[in-house]
Amino acid sequence: MTYTDNPVGSIWHRWDPHIHIPGTLKNDNYGGGTKLNDFVNKINLSSPPIQVLGITDYYVLDSYERVLPIFKNGGMPNVKLLFPNIELRFAVNAGKGSPINVHLLVSPEDNEHVQKTKRFLRDLKFEYDGES
C-alpha cells in the first residue's frame, strides 16, 4: 500500500527537515562530548520514530556526508528519507538586525546529488548593494 492509497485517511509522520548534528558548523548545540553515534542512537530511539531527516549545515555538505554512510548501511532503520539541508546566511540586514537565512533542500534521488550540489555551491555568486 502506498501513502496515497491509504484507506485510513490522514496519518501523521514525524519529520525533522532541519537538524544539526554534533560537530556542525556554527550551530553545534550538543556540547563537546556528544558523538555522532550518540546522535544516531537518539534518532533511532525517538518516539514516535523520525522517518525523514534533513541534515543541516552552513554552506557545506560535511554533516550530511558524515551521516549518509550510516543511513545507507542501515544504521537508521526508521529513517526512510535522508536529504541535505544547506543553510546559507547572508549578511543582508532583514530590518531587525538579523541576517537572512536561506535553506537549500536537496533531493537525494540522483546518485550524484552530493557532487552536483558541491558544484552548485562552489559556483554560487550573488551581488547586493554593489558587493559580490
C-alpha atoms as a PDB file:
ATOM      1  CA  MET A   1       0.000   0.000   0.000  1.00  0.00           C
ATOM      2  CA  THR A   2       1.326   3.453  -0.865  1.00  0.00           C
ATOM      3  CA  TYR A   3       0.690   6.603   1.109  1.00  0.00           C
ATOM      4  CA  THR A   4      -1.808   7.810  -1.495  1.00  0.00           C
ATOM      5  CA  ASP A   5      -3.808   4.543  -1.396  1.00  0.00           C
ATOM      6  CA  ASN A   6      -4.268   4.638   2.363  1.00  0.00           C
ATOM      7  CA  PRO A   7      -7.945   3.991   3.218  1.00  0.00           C
ATOM      8  CA  VAL A   8      -7.494   5.264   6.805  1.00  0.00           C
ATOM      9  CA  GLY A   9      -7.206   8.927   5.844  1.00  0.00           C
ATOM     10  CA  SER A  10      -4.690  11.277   7.431  1.00  0.00           C
ATOM     11  CA  ILE A  11      -1.673   9.711   9.058  1.00  0.00           C
ATOM     12  CA  TRP A  12       0.884  11.799  10.917  1.00  0.00           C
ATOM     13  CA  HIS A  13       4.550  11.091  10.343  1.00  0.00           C
ATOM     14  CA  ARG A  14       7.435  12.621  12.260  1.00  0.00           C
ATOM     15  CA  TRP A  15       9.859  14.601  10.107  1.00  0.00           C
ATOM     16  CA  ASP A  16      12.730  16.871  11.057  1.00  0.00           C
ATOM     17  CA  PRO A  17      13.809  18.723   7.920  1.00  0.00           C
ATOM     18  CA  HIS A  18      16.230  20.971   9.844  1.00  0.00           C
ATOM     19  CA  ILE A  19      18.513  19.169  12.257  1.00  0.00           C
ATOM     20  CA  HIS A  20      22.159  19.883  13.028  1.00  0.00           C
ATOM     21  CA  ILE A  21      24.455  17.054  14.136  1.00  0.00           C
ATOM     22  CA  PRO A  22      27.351  17.168  16.612  1.00  0.00           C
ATOM     23  CA  GLY A  23      30.276  19.000  15.045  1.00  0.00           C
ATOM     24  CA  THR A  24      28.140  21.065  12.671  1.00  0.00           C
ATOM     25  CA  LEU A  25      29.395  24.480  11.643  1.00  0.00           C
ATOM     26  CA  LYS A  26      28.180  27.496  13.644  1.00  0.00           C
ATOM     27  CA  ASN A  27      25.320  25.718  15.411  1.00  0.00           C
ATOM     28  CA  ASP A  28      26.781  22.835  17.414  1.00  0.00           C
ATOM     29  CA  ASN A  29      24.483  22.834  20.434  1.00  0.00           C
ATOM     30  CA  TYR A  30      25.451  19.329  21.536  1.00  0.00           C
ATOM     31  CA  GLY A  31      28.467  20.209  23.649  1.00  0.00           C
ATOM     32  CA  GLY A  32      31.928  18.827  23.249  1.00  0.00           C
ATOM     33  CA  GLY A  33      31.190  15.311  24.490  1.00  0.00           C
ATOM     34  CA  THR A  34      28.337  14.321  22.189  1.00  0.00           C
ATOM     35  CA  LYS A  35      29.461  11.998  19.451  1.00  0.00           C
ATOM     36  CA  LEU A  36      27.789  11.156  16.170  1.00  0.00           C
ATOM     37  CA  ASN A  37      26.937   7.655  17.478  1.00  0.00           C
ATOM     38  CA  ASP A  38      25.048   9.210  20.408  1.00  0.00           C
ATOM     39  CA  PHE A  39      23.108  11.397  17.963  1.00  0.00           C
ATOM     40  CA  VAL A  40      22.211   8.391  15.773  1.00  0.00           C
ATOM     41  CA  ASN A  41      21.106   6.405  18.836  1.00  0.00           C
ATOM     42  CA  LYS A  42      18.783   9.236  19.886  1.00  0.00           C
ATOM     43  CA  ILE A  43      17.287   9.347  16.388  1.00  0.00           C
ATOM     44  CA  ASN A  44      16.809   5.569  16.430  1.00  0.00           C
ATOM     45  CA  LEU A  45      15.163   5.632  19.866  1.00  0.00           C
ATOM     46  CA  SER A  46      12.879   8.593  19.180  1.00  0.00           C
ATOM     47  CA  SER A  47       9.209   8.036  19.783  1.00  0.00           C
ATOM     48  CA  PRO A  48       7.354   8.415  17.559  1.00  0.00           C
ATOM     49  CA  PRO A  49      10.082   7.395  15.123  1.00  0.00           C
ATOM     50  CA  ILE A  50      11.570  10.077  12.900  1.00  0.00           C
ATOM     51  CA  GLN A  51      11.033   8.987   9.304  1.00  0.00           C
ATOM     52  CA  VAL A  52      12.556  11.905   7.395  1.00  0.00           C
ATOM     53  CA  LEU A  53      15.688  13.904   8.269  1.00  0.00           C
ATOM     54  CA  GLY A  54      17.166  16.974   6.653  1.00  0.00           C
ATOM     55  CA  ILE A  55      20.783  17.088   7.837  1.00  0.00           C
ATOM     56  CA  THR A  56      21.637  20.775   8.084  1.00  0.00           C
ATOM     57  CA  ASP A  57      24.969  22.564   7.912  1.00  0.00           C
ATOM     58  CA  TYR A  58      26.035  26.061   6.941  1.00  0.00           C
ATOM     59  CA  TYR A  59      27.301  26.435   3.365  1.00  0.00           C
ATOM     60  CA  VAL A  60      28.601  22.841   3.070  1.00  0.00           C
ATOM     61  CA  LEU A  61      27.535  19.190   2.959  1.00  0.00           C
ATOM     62  CA  ASP A  62      30.012  17.996   5.602  1.00  0.00           C
ATOM     63  CA  SER A  63      27.417  16.916   8.172  1.00  0.00           C
ATOM     64  CA  TYR A  64      25.267  15.190   5.560  1.00  0.00           C
ATOM     65  CA  GLU A  65      28.305  13.330   4.249  1.00  0.00           C
ATOM     66  CA  ARG A  66      29.081  12.111   7.779  1.00  0.00           C
ATOM     67  CA  VAL A  67      25.561  10.727   8.290  1.00  0.00           C
ATOM     68  CA  LEU A  68      24.943   9.387   4.762  1.00  0.00           C
ATOM     69  CA  PRO A  69      27.080   6.212   5.100  1.00  0.00           C
ATOM     70  CA  ILE A  70      25.358   5.376   8.399  1.00  0.00           C
ATOM     71  CA  PHE A  71      21.968   5.751   6.719  1.00  0.00           C
ATOM     72  CA  LYS A  72      22.986   3.769   3.620  1.00  0.00           C
ATOM     73  CA  ASN A  73      24.328   0.919   5.774  1.00  0.00           C
ATOM     74  CA  GLY A  74      21.045   0.571   7.670  1.00  0.00           C
ATOM     75  CA  GLY A  75      22.190   2.356  10.815  1.00  0.00           C
ATOM     76  CA  MET A  76      18.990   4.434  10.950  1.00  0.00           C
ATOM     77  CA  PRO A  77      16.271   1.865  10.257  1.00  0.00           C
ATOM     78  CA  ASN A  78      13.301   4.153  10.979  1.00  0.00           C
ATOM     79  CA  VAL A  79      14.515   6.911   8.665  1.00  0.00           C
ATOM     80  CA  LYS A  80      13.029   6.407   5.202  1.00  0.00           C
ATOM     81  CA  LEU A  81      14.402   9.589   3.617  1.00  0.00           C
ATOM     82  CA  LEU A  82      17.613  11.497   4.363  1.00  0.00           C
ATOM     83  CA  PHE A  83      18.466  14.671   2.485  1.00  0.00           C
ATOM     84  CA  PRO A  84      20.904  17.569   2.771  1.00  0.00           C
ATOM     85  CA  ASN A  85      19.679  20.928   4.006  1.00  0.00           C
ATOM     86  CA  ILE A  86      22.254  23.632   3.263  1.00  0.00           C
ATOM     87  CA  GLU A  87      21.759  26.765   5.299  1.00  0.00           C
ATOM     88  CA  LEU A  88      23.048  29.973   3.770  1.00  0.00           C
ATOM     89  CA  ARG A  89      23.261  33.036   5.992  1.00  0.00           C
ATOM     90  CA  PHE A  90      23.523  36.331   4.184  1.00  0.00           C
ATOM     91  CA  ALA A  91      24.845  39.418   5.928  1.00  0.00           C
ATOM     92  CA  VAL A  92      21.972  41.407   4.475  1.00  0.00           C
ATOM     93  CA  ASN A  93      20.008  43.072   7.259  1.00  0.00           C
ATOM     94  CA  ALA A  94      16.385  41.926   7.400  1.00  0.00           C
ATOM     95  CA  GLY A  95      15.277  45.009   9.312  1.00  0.00           C
ATOM     96  CA  LYS A  96      15.609  43.670  12.846  1.00  0.00           C
ATOM     97  CA  GLY A  97      19.377  43.247  12.910  1.00  0.00           C
ATOM     98  CA  SER A  98      19.131  39.600  11.887  1.00  0.00           C
ATOM     99  CA  PRO A  99      20.787  38.114   8.832  1.00  0.00           C
ATOM    100  CA  ILE A 100      18.689  36.436   6.164  1.00  0.00           C
ATOM    101  CA  ASN A 101      18.795  32.637   6.189  1.00  0.00           C
ATOM    102  CA  VAL A 102      18.073  30.626   3.055  1.00  0.00           C
ATOM    103  CA  HIS A 103      17.737  26.854   3.094  1.00  0.00           C
ATOM    104  CA  LEU A 104      18.519  24.707   0.087  1.00  0.00           C
ATOM    105  CA  LEU A 105      16.803  21.342   0.396  1.00  0.00           C
ATOM    106  CA  VAL A 106      18.395  18.844  -1.978  1.00  0.00           C
ATOM    107  CA  SER A 107      16.681  15.754  -3.330  1.00  0.00           C
ATOM    108  CA  PRO A 108      18.832  12.653  -2.834  1.00  0.00           C
ATOM    109  CA  GLU A 109      17.178  10.815  -5.757  1.00  0.00           C
ATOM    110  CA  ASP A 110      20.092  11.500  -8.092  1.00  0.00           C
ATOM    111  CA  ASN A 111      23.094   9.307  -7.254  1.00  0.00           C
ATOM    112  CA  GLU A 112      25.352  12.294  -7.985  1.00  0.00           C
ATOM    113  CA  HIS A 113      23.426  14.763  -5.808  1.00  0.00           C
ATOM    114  CA  VAL A 114      26.401  15.357  -3.491  1.00  0.00           C
ATOM    115  CA  GLN A 115      28.820  16.184  -6.316  1.00  0.00           C
ATOM    116  CA  LYS A 116      26.236  18.289  -8.169  1.00  0.00           C
ATOM    117  CA  THR A 117      25.351  20.216  -5.017  1.00  0.00           C
ATOM    118  CA  LYS A 118      29.008  20.903  -4.239  1.00  0.00           C
ATOM    119  CA  ARG A 119      29.478  22.201  -7.777  1.00  0.00           C
ATOM    120  CA  PHE A 120      26.386  24.400  -7.422  1.00  0.00           C
ATOM    121  CA  LEU A 121      27.619  25.826  -4.111  1.00  0.00           C
ATOM    122  CA  ARG A 122      31.108  26.419  -5.493  1.00  0.00           C
ATOM    123  CA  ASP A 123      29.661  28.379  -8.428  1.00  0.00           C
ATOM    124  CA  LEU A 124      27.032  30.260  -6.408  1.00  0.00           C
ATOM    125  CA  LYS A 125      27.617  34.008  -6.507  1.00  0.00           C
ATOM    126  CA  PHE A 126      25.357  36.983  -5.993  1.00  0.00           C
ATOM    127  CA  GLU A 127      25.621  40.733  -5.720  1.00  0.00           C
ATOM    128  CA  TYR A 128      23.996  43.004  -3.206  1.00  0.00           C
ATOM    129  CA  ASP A 129      24.487  46.716  -2.759  1.00  0.00           C
ATOM    130  CA  GLY A 130      27.497  46.733  -5.072  1.00  0.00           C
ATOM    131  CA  GLU A 131      29.278  43.839  -3.335  1.00  0.00           C
ATOM    132  CA  SER A 132      29.821  40.312  -4.572  1.00  0.00           C
END
